[in-house]
Amino acid sequence: MEAFQRLNYLYQAAHCVLAQNPDNVELARFYCHTQRTISRRLVLRQDPSVKRTVCKKCWSLLVPGVTATVRQRKCNRRQRLTVVRCLSCGQTKRFRNDPEYQLWVERPEALLQNQPKPELNSEARPAAPQPPRPSTTPQALS
C-alpha cells in the first residue's frame, strides 16, 4: 500500500511541476522515470490511465499542449483514433475512440470477486500414481 502511495505522489509531483512552469520538463521526466523504476522493481502494475499519460520512450509526462500534441484521425469509415505525439522525442501513441471498447481491467471478468472458486474436495482430484514397490517374494530374491 505504501508503494502505491509513493507512485501516486511521484505522478502528482510531475503534474504539479509542469503546471507551475512548463519549462520544467526534465524534472517531470525524472519523476516519471523514478515512478516507472519503482513499479518495475516492486512488480506493481500501474493503472492504464497513468500509463497512457507517460511516454514510453523518453518518460515525459504527456500533457496536451505542453509536452504533447493530440489529434483525431480516421482509420476507416467507422473507426477513429486518438493520436498522442510526444514533443520531446516524437514517439506516438494511438488509442481507439470506440465508446463500446473496454480495457481488460474494466471488464467484470477481470475482477477477482467474479472468478470461479476452485473446488478442493478429494473426490474431484484424480489419485496420484504410486511408484512400484520392490518385490520381496522368493523368486525376486534369487
N, C-alpha and C. Protein backbone atom coordinates (compact mmCIF):
# COMPACT_ATOMS: atom_id res chain seq x y z
N MET A 1 0.83 -1.19 0.00
CA MET A 1 0.00 0.00 0.00
C MET A 1 0.87 1.26 0.00
N GLU A 2 1.95 1.21 0.75
CA GLU A 2 2.84 2.36 0.84
C GLU A 2 3.51 2.63 -0.51
N ALA A 3 3.79 1.58 -1.26
CA ALA A 3 4.43 1.74 -2.57
C ALA A 3 3.49 2.46 -3.54
N PHE A 4 2.20 2.12 -3.51
CA PHE A 4 1.24 2.79 -4.38
C PHE A 4 1.11 4.27 -4.02
N GLN A 5 1.19 4.58 -2.74
CA GLN A 5 1.15 5.99 -2.33
C GLN A 5 2.36 6.75 -2.85
N ARG A 6 3.51 6.09 -2.83
CA ARG A 6 4.72 6.73 -3.33
C ARG A 6 4.63 6.96 -4.84
N LEU A 7 4.12 5.97 -5.57
CA LEU A 7 3.95 6.12 -7.02
C LEU A 7 2.97 7.24 -7.33
N ASN A 8 1.88 7.31 -6.57
CA ASN A 8 0.89 8.36 -6.76
C ASN A 8 1.50 9.73 -6.48
N TYR A 9 2.32 9.81 -5.43
CA TYR A 9 2.97 11.08 -5.08
C TYR A 9 3.89 11.54 -6.21
N LEU A 10 4.68 10.63 -6.77
CA LEU A 10 5.59 11.00 -7.87
C LEU A 10 4.83 11.46 -9.10
N TYR A 11 3.71 10.78 -9.39
CA TYR A 11 2.89 11.16 -10.55
C TYR A 11 2.29 12.56 -10.35
N GLN A 12 1.77 12.82 -9.16
CA GLN A 12 1.20 14.13 -8.87
C GLN A 12 2.28 15.21 -8.84
N ALA A 13 3.47 14.88 -8.35
CA ALA A 13 4.57 15.84 -8.34
C ALA A 13 4.97 16.23 -9.75
N ALA A 14 4.99 15.27 -10.66
CA ALA A 14 5.31 15.57 -12.06
C ALA A 14 4.27 16.52 -12.66
N HIS A 15 2.99 16.28 -12.36
CA HIS A 15 1.94 17.18 -12.84
C HIS A 15 2.08 18.59 -12.25
N CYS A 16 2.35 18.67 -10.96
CA CYS A 16 2.48 19.98 -10.31
C CYS A 16 3.66 20.77 -10.85
N VAL A 17 4.77 20.09 -11.09
CA VAL A 17 5.96 20.76 -11.62
C VAL A 17 5.68 21.35 -12.99
N LEU A 18 4.98 20.59 -13.83
CA LEU A 18 4.66 21.10 -15.17
C LEU A 18 3.60 22.20 -15.13
N ALA A 19 2.68 22.11 -14.17
CA ALA A 19 1.64 23.14 -14.07
C ALA A 19 2.23 24.47 -13.62
N GLN A 20 3.22 24.44 -12.73
CA GLN A 20 3.83 25.68 -12.24
C GLN A 20 4.70 26.34 -13.31
N ASN A 21 5.49 25.54 -14.01
CA ASN A 21 6.38 26.08 -15.02
C ASN A 21 6.54 25.04 -16.13
N PRO A 22 6.01 25.29 -17.33
CA PRO A 22 6.10 24.31 -18.42
C PRO A 22 7.53 24.04 -18.89
N ASP A 23 8.50 24.82 -18.43
CA ASP A 23 9.89 24.57 -18.81
C ASP A 23 10.54 23.49 -17.95
N ASN A 24 9.87 23.04 -16.92
CA ASN A 24 10.42 22.01 -16.02
C ASN A 24 10.15 20.60 -16.54
N VAL A 25 10.33 20.40 -17.82
CA VAL A 25 10.05 19.10 -18.42
C VAL A 25 11.02 18.04 -17.90
N GLU A 26 12.27 18.42 -17.70
CA GLU A 26 13.28 17.46 -17.25
C GLU A 26 12.99 16.95 -15.84
N LEU A 27 12.52 17.82 -14.95
CA LEU A 27 12.20 17.38 -13.59
C LEU A 27 10.98 16.45 -13.60
N ALA A 28 9.98 16.79 -14.40
CA ALA A 28 8.80 15.92 -14.52
C ALA A 28 9.20 14.57 -15.12
N ARG A 29 10.13 14.59 -16.08
CA ARG A 29 10.62 13.36 -16.68
C ARG A 29 11.34 12.50 -15.63
N PHE A 30 12.12 13.14 -14.78
CA PHE A 30 12.81 12.42 -13.72
C PHE A 30 11.81 11.74 -12.77
N TYR A 31 10.75 12.46 -12.40
CA TYR A 31 9.73 11.88 -11.52
C TYR A 31 9.05 10.68 -12.18
N CYS A 32 8.72 10.80 -13.46
CA CYS A 32 8.05 9.70 -14.17
C CYS A 32 8.99 8.50 -14.32
N HIS A 33 10.26 8.77 -14.59
CA HIS A 33 11.22 7.68 -14.71
C HIS A 33 11.41 6.98 -13.37
N THR A 34 11.46 7.73 -12.29
CA THR A 34 11.58 7.14 -10.95
C THR A 34 10.34 6.31 -10.62
N GLN A 35 9.19 6.81 -11.00
CA GLN A 35 7.94 6.09 -10.77
C GLN A 35 7.97 4.75 -11.51
N ARG A 36 8.41 4.76 -12.75
CA ARG A 36 8.49 3.53 -13.55
C ARG A 36 9.50 2.55 -12.94
N THR A 37 10.63 3.07 -12.49
CA THR A 37 11.67 2.22 -11.90
C THR A 37 11.15 1.54 -10.63
N ILE A 38 10.46 2.27 -9.79
CA ILE A 38 9.92 1.71 -8.55
C ILE A 38 8.87 0.64 -8.85
N SER A 39 7.98 0.93 -9.80
CA SER A 39 6.92 -0.04 -10.11
C SER A 39 7.50 -1.31 -10.72
N ARG A 40 8.57 -1.20 -11.51
CA ARG A 40 9.19 -2.40 -12.07
C ARG A 40 9.94 -3.19 -10.99
N ARG A 41 10.63 -2.50 -10.10
CA ARG A 41 11.39 -3.18 -9.07
C ARG A 41 10.48 -3.94 -8.11
N LEU A 42 9.32 -3.33 -7.78
CA LEU A 42 8.38 -3.97 -6.85
C LEU A 42 7.33 -4.83 -7.55
N VAL A 43 7.40 -4.94 -8.86
CA VAL A 43 6.49 -5.71 -9.70
C VAL A 43 5.05 -5.29 -9.42
N LEU A 44 4.78 -4.00 -9.61
CA LEU A 44 3.44 -3.45 -9.42
C LEU A 44 2.90 -3.00 -10.77
N ARG A 45 1.65 -3.26 -11.01
CA ARG A 45 1.01 -2.81 -12.25
C ARG A 45 0.45 -1.42 -12.05
N GLN A 46 0.74 -0.56 -13.03
CA GLN A 46 0.20 0.79 -12.97
C GLN A 46 -1.15 0.83 -13.67
N ASP A 47 -1.98 1.77 -13.27
CA ASP A 47 -3.28 1.93 -13.88
C ASP A 47 -3.11 2.35 -15.34
N PRO A 48 -3.98 1.87 -16.24
CA PRO A 48 -3.86 2.25 -17.65
C PRO A 48 -3.96 3.75 -17.89
N SER A 49 -4.71 4.47 -17.06
CA SER A 49 -4.81 5.92 -17.24
C SER A 49 -3.47 6.60 -16.95
N VAL A 50 -2.68 6.04 -16.06
CA VAL A 50 -1.35 6.58 -15.77
C VAL A 50 -0.40 6.23 -16.91
N LYS A 51 -0.47 4.98 -17.38
CA LYS A 51 0.43 4.55 -18.43
C LYS A 51 0.18 5.31 -19.74
N ARG A 52 -1.05 5.71 -19.96
CA ARG A 52 -1.37 6.45 -21.18
C ARG A 52 -0.82 7.87 -21.18
N THR A 53 -0.49 8.40 -20.02
CA THR A 53 -0.03 9.78 -19.95
C THR A 53 1.48 9.91 -19.76
N VAL A 54 2.20 8.80 -19.93
CA VAL A 54 3.66 8.83 -19.83
C VAL A 54 4.23 8.24 -21.11
N CYS A 55 5.21 8.95 -21.70
CA CYS A 55 5.86 8.48 -22.92
C CYS A 55 6.73 7.28 -22.60
N LYS A 56 6.62 6.22 -23.40
CA LYS A 56 7.40 5.01 -23.16
C LYS A 56 8.86 5.16 -23.58
N LYS A 57 9.13 6.12 -24.44
CA LYS A 57 10.48 6.26 -24.97
C LYS A 57 11.36 7.17 -24.11
N CYS A 58 10.84 8.35 -23.76
CA CYS A 58 11.67 9.32 -23.02
C CYS A 58 11.14 9.60 -21.61
N TRP A 59 10.05 8.97 -21.21
CA TRP A 59 9.46 9.08 -19.88
C TRP A 59 8.94 10.47 -19.56
N SER A 60 8.60 11.26 -20.58
CA SER A 60 7.98 12.57 -20.35
C SER A 60 6.52 12.38 -19.97
N LEU A 61 6.03 13.29 -19.19
CA LEU A 61 4.60 13.32 -18.87
C LEU A 61 3.89 13.94 -20.07
N LEU A 62 2.90 13.27 -20.63
CA LEU A 62 2.22 13.75 -21.82
C LEU A 62 1.03 14.63 -21.43
N VAL A 63 1.25 15.94 -21.45
CA VAL A 63 0.20 16.91 -21.16
C VAL A 63 -0.14 17.60 -22.47
N PRO A 64 -1.40 17.48 -22.93
CA PRO A 64 -1.76 18.07 -24.22
C PRO A 64 -1.49 19.58 -24.26
N GLY A 65 -0.81 20.02 -25.31
CA GLY A 65 -0.50 21.43 -25.49
C GLY A 65 0.79 21.87 -24.83
N VAL A 66 1.32 21.09 -23.88
CA VAL A 66 2.55 21.45 -23.19
C VAL A 66 3.69 20.53 -23.65
N THR A 67 3.52 19.24 -23.47
CA THR A 67 4.56 18.29 -23.86
C THR A 67 4.09 17.31 -24.92
N ALA A 68 2.85 17.44 -25.38
CA ALA A 68 2.32 16.51 -26.37
C ALA A 68 1.26 17.19 -27.24
N THR A 69 1.10 16.65 -28.44
CA THR A 69 0.00 17.08 -29.31
C THR A 69 -1.00 15.94 -29.39
N VAL A 70 -2.27 16.29 -29.46
CA VAL A 70 -3.34 15.30 -29.53
C VAL A 70 -4.14 15.56 -30.80
N ARG A 71 -4.28 14.54 -31.61
CA ARG A 71 -5.02 14.65 -32.87
C ARG A 71 -6.03 13.52 -32.98
N GLN A 72 -7.09 13.78 -33.71
CA GLN A 72 -8.09 12.76 -34.02
C GLN A 72 -7.88 12.34 -35.47
N ARG A 73 -7.80 11.05 -35.73
CA ARG A 73 -7.59 10.53 -37.08
C ARG A 73 -8.66 9.52 -37.39
N LYS A 74 -9.00 9.47 -38.70
CA LYS A 74 -9.92 8.44 -39.17
C LYS A 74 -9.09 7.27 -39.67
N CYS A 75 -9.39 6.09 -39.15
CA CYS A 75 -8.68 4.90 -39.58
C CYS A 75 -9.43 4.27 -40.76
N ASN A 76 -10.71 4.14 -40.64
CA ASN A 76 -11.60 3.72 -41.73
C ASN A 76 -12.95 4.38 -41.50
N ARG A 77 -13.97 3.94 -42.17
CA ARG A 77 -15.26 4.62 -42.07
C ARG A 77 -15.81 4.69 -40.65
N ARG A 78 -15.67 3.62 -39.93
CA ARG A 78 -16.30 3.56 -38.61
C ARG A 78 -15.34 3.86 -37.46
N GLN A 79 -14.08 3.61 -37.67
CA GLN A 79 -13.16 3.69 -36.54
C GLN A 79 -12.34 4.98 -36.57
N ARG A 80 -12.22 5.59 -35.39
CA ARG A 80 -11.39 6.79 -35.22
C ARG A 80 -10.32 6.49 -34.18
N LEU A 81 -9.21 7.19 -34.32
CA LEU A 81 -8.10 7.02 -33.40
C LEU A 81 -7.74 8.36 -32.79
N THR A 82 -7.31 8.34 -31.54
CA THR A 82 -6.69 9.50 -30.91
C THR A 82 -5.19 9.25 -30.96
N VAL A 83 -4.46 10.17 -31.56
CA VAL A 83 -3.02 10.03 -31.70
C VAL A 83 -2.36 11.07 -30.81
N VAL A 84 -1.56 10.60 -29.85
CA VAL A 84 -0.84 11.48 -28.93
C VAL A 84 0.64 11.41 -29.32
N ARG A 85 1.23 12.57 -29.61
CA ARG A 85 2.63 12.63 -30.04
C ARG A 85 3.44 13.41 -29.02
N CYS A 86 4.52 12.80 -28.55
CA CYS A 86 5.41 13.43 -27.58
C CYS A 86 6.24 14.50 -28.30
N LEU A 87 6.30 15.70 -27.74
CA LEU A 87 7.06 16.78 -28.36
C LEU A 87 8.55 16.67 -28.07
N SER A 88 8.95 15.87 -27.08
CA SER A 88 10.36 15.72 -26.76
C SER A 88 11.07 14.76 -27.69
N CYS A 89 10.48 13.59 -27.92
CA CYS A 89 11.15 12.56 -28.72
C CYS A 89 10.42 12.19 -30.00
N GLY A 90 9.17 12.60 -30.15
CA GLY A 90 8.42 12.29 -31.36
C GLY A 90 7.68 10.97 -31.33
N GLN A 91 7.72 10.24 -30.23
CA GLN A 91 7.03 8.97 -30.10
C GLN A 91 5.51 9.19 -30.14
N THR A 92 4.78 8.30 -30.82
CA THR A 92 3.32 8.44 -30.91
C THR A 92 2.65 7.26 -30.22
N LYS A 93 1.48 7.55 -29.67
CA LYS A 93 0.60 6.53 -29.09
C LYS A 93 -0.74 6.66 -29.78
N ARG A 94 -1.36 5.54 -30.07
CA ARG A 94 -2.66 5.54 -30.73
C ARG A 94 -3.67 4.83 -29.83
N PHE A 95 -4.83 5.46 -29.66
CA PHE A 95 -5.89 4.88 -28.84
C PHE A 95 -7.18 4.89 -29.64
N ARG A 96 -7.94 3.80 -29.54
CA ARG A 96 -9.22 3.70 -30.25
C ARG A 96 -10.26 4.60 -29.60
N ASN A 97 -11.13 5.17 -30.43
CA ASN A 97 -12.23 6.01 -29.94
C ASN A 97 -13.55 5.26 -30.02
N ASP A 98 -13.57 4.04 -29.66
CA ASP A 98 -14.77 3.22 -29.70
C ASP A 98 -15.47 3.33 -28.34
N PRO A 99 -16.70 3.87 -28.30
CA PRO A 99 -17.37 4.02 -27.00
C PRO A 99 -17.69 2.67 -26.33
N GLU A 100 -17.81 1.59 -27.10
CA GLU A 100 -18.10 0.29 -26.51
C GLU A 100 -16.84 -0.46 -26.09
N TYR A 101 -15.68 0.04 -26.45
CA TYR A 101 -14.43 -0.64 -26.12
C TYR A 101 -14.14 -0.50 -24.63
N GLN A 102 -13.76 -1.62 -24.01
CA GLN A 102 -13.42 -1.62 -22.59
C GLN A 102 -12.04 -2.23 -22.42
N LEU A 103 -11.27 -1.63 -21.55
CA LEU A 103 -10.00 -2.23 -21.18
C LEU A 103 -10.26 -3.50 -20.38
N TRP A 104 -9.28 -4.41 -20.36
CA TRP A 104 -9.44 -5.65 -19.62
C TRP A 104 -9.68 -5.37 -18.15
N VAL A 105 -9.03 -4.36 -17.61
CA VAL A 105 -9.16 -4.03 -16.19
C VAL A 105 -10.59 -3.63 -15.85
N GLU A 106 -11.30 -3.03 -16.80
CA GLU A 106 -12.65 -2.54 -16.56
C GLU A 106 -13.73 -3.61 -16.77
N ARG A 107 -13.37 -4.74 -17.34
CA ARG A 107 -14.35 -5.80 -17.59
C ARG A 107 -14.69 -6.54 -16.31
N PRO A 108 -15.94 -7.03 -16.20
CA PRO A 108 -16.34 -7.71 -14.97
C PRO A 108 -15.57 -9.01 -14.74
N GLU A 109 -15.18 -9.72 -15.80
CA GLU A 109 -14.48 -10.99 -15.59
C GLU A 109 -13.04 -10.79 -15.12
N ALA A 110 -12.54 -9.56 -15.16
CA ALA A 110 -11.18 -9.29 -14.69
C ALA A 110 -11.14 -9.14 -13.17
N LEU A 111 -12.26 -8.88 -12.54
CA LEU A 111 -12.29 -8.69 -11.10
C LEU A 111 -12.15 -10.02 -10.38
N LEU A 112 -11.43 -10.01 -9.31
CA LEU A 112 -11.17 -11.23 -8.56
C LEU A 112 -12.44 -11.79 -7.92
N GLN A 113 -13.38 -10.91 -7.57
CA GLN A 113 -14.61 -11.39 -6.95
C GLN A 113 -15.44 -12.21 -7.92
N ASN A 114 -15.31 -11.96 -9.22
CA ASN A 114 -16.12 -12.65 -10.22
C ASN A 114 -15.48 -13.94 -10.74
N GLN A 115 -14.32 -14.30 -10.24
CA GLN A 115 -13.64 -15.51 -10.68
C GLN A 115 -14.27 -16.72 -10.00
N PRO A 116 -14.40 -17.85 -10.72
CA PRO A 116 -14.95 -19.05 -10.08
C PRO A 116 -13.97 -19.60 -9.06
N LYS A 117 -14.53 -20.09 -7.96
CA LYS A 117 -13.72 -20.64 -6.87
C LYS A 117 -13.33 -22.08 -7.22
N PRO A 118 -12.06 -22.44 -7.07
CA PRO A 118 -11.67 -23.83 -7.33
C PRO A 118 -12.18 -24.75 -6.22
N GLU A 119 -12.61 -25.94 -6.60
CA GLU A 119 -13.12 -26.91 -5.62
C GLU A 119 -11.95 -27.73 -5.10
N LEU A 120 -11.89 -27.90 -3.80
CA LEU A 120 -10.76 -28.57 -3.18
C LEU A 120 -11.12 -29.94 -2.60
N ASN A 121 -12.27 -30.51 -2.96
CA ASN A 121 -12.63 -31.81 -2.39
C ASN A 121 -11.79 -32.91 -3.03
N SER A 122 -11.58 -34.00 -2.30
CA SER A 122 -10.68 -35.06 -2.75
C SER A 122 -11.31 -35.91 -3.85
N GLU A 123 -12.63 -35.93 -3.97
CA GLU A 123 -13.29 -36.75 -4.99
C GLU A 123 -13.03 -36.22 -6.38
N ALA A 124 -12.90 -34.92 -6.53
CA ALA A 124 -12.73 -34.34 -7.86
C ALA A 124 -11.31 -34.52 -8.37
N ARG A 125 -10.35 -34.70 -7.46
CA ARG A 125 -8.95 -34.83 -7.84
C ARG A 125 -8.62 -36.29 -8.15
N PRO A 126 -7.93 -36.55 -9.27
CA PRO A 126 -7.51 -37.94 -9.52
C PRO A 126 -6.38 -38.32 -8.58
N ALA A 127 -6.34 -39.59 -8.25
CA ALA A 127 -5.31 -40.08 -7.33
C ALA A 127 -3.96 -40.04 -8.03
N ALA A 128 -2.94 -39.71 -7.28
CA ALA A 128 -1.58 -39.67 -7.84
C ALA A 128 -1.09 -41.09 -8.04
N PRO A 129 -0.37 -41.36 -9.14
CA PRO A 129 0.12 -42.74 -9.35
C PRO A 129 1.19 -43.09 -8.32
N GLN A 130 1.11 -44.33 -7.84
CA GLN A 130 2.03 -44.81 -6.83
C GLN A 130 3.25 -45.42 -7.52
N PRO A 131 4.45 -45.20 -6.98
CA PRO A 131 5.64 -45.82 -7.58
C PRO A 131 5.62 -47.32 -7.31
N PRO A 132 6.19 -48.13 -8.20
CA PRO A 132 6.17 -49.58 -7.98
C PRO A 132 7.02 -49.96 -6.77
N ARG A 133 6.51 -50.93 -5.99
CA ARG A 133 7.21 -51.38 -4.79
C ARG A 133 8.14 -52.54 -5.16
N PRO A 134 9.27 -52.60 -4.49
CA PRO A 134 10.15 -53.76 -4.77
C PRO A 134 9.52 -55.04 -4.26
N SER A 135 9.67 -56.06 -5.00
CA SER A 135 9.08 -57.35 -4.66
C SER A 135 9.94 -58.06 -3.62
N THR A 136 9.28 -58.71 -2.64
CA THR A 136 10.02 -59.45 -1.61
C THR A 136 9.72 -60.94 -1.70
N THR A 137 9.23 -61.39 -2.80
CA THR A 137 8.93 -62.83 -2.97
C THR A 137 10.24 -63.60 -3.14
N PRO A 138 10.23 -64.88 -2.87
CA PRO A 138 11.46 -65.66 -3.00
C PRO A 138 12.03 -65.67 -4.41
N GLN A 139 11.17 -65.55 -5.42
CA GLN A 139 11.65 -65.57 -6.80
C GLN A 139 12.49 -64.32 -7.09
N ALA A 140 12.08 -63.18 -6.52
CA ALA A 140 12.79 -61.94 -6.79
C ALA A 140 14.12 -61.89 -6.04
N LEU A 141 14.21 -62.63 -4.90
CA LEU A 141 15.43 -62.61 -4.13
C LEU A 141 16.52 -63.48 -4.74
N SER A 142 16.17 -64.52 -5.48
CA SER A 142 17.17 -65.42 -6.02
C SER A 142 17.80 -64.95 -7.29
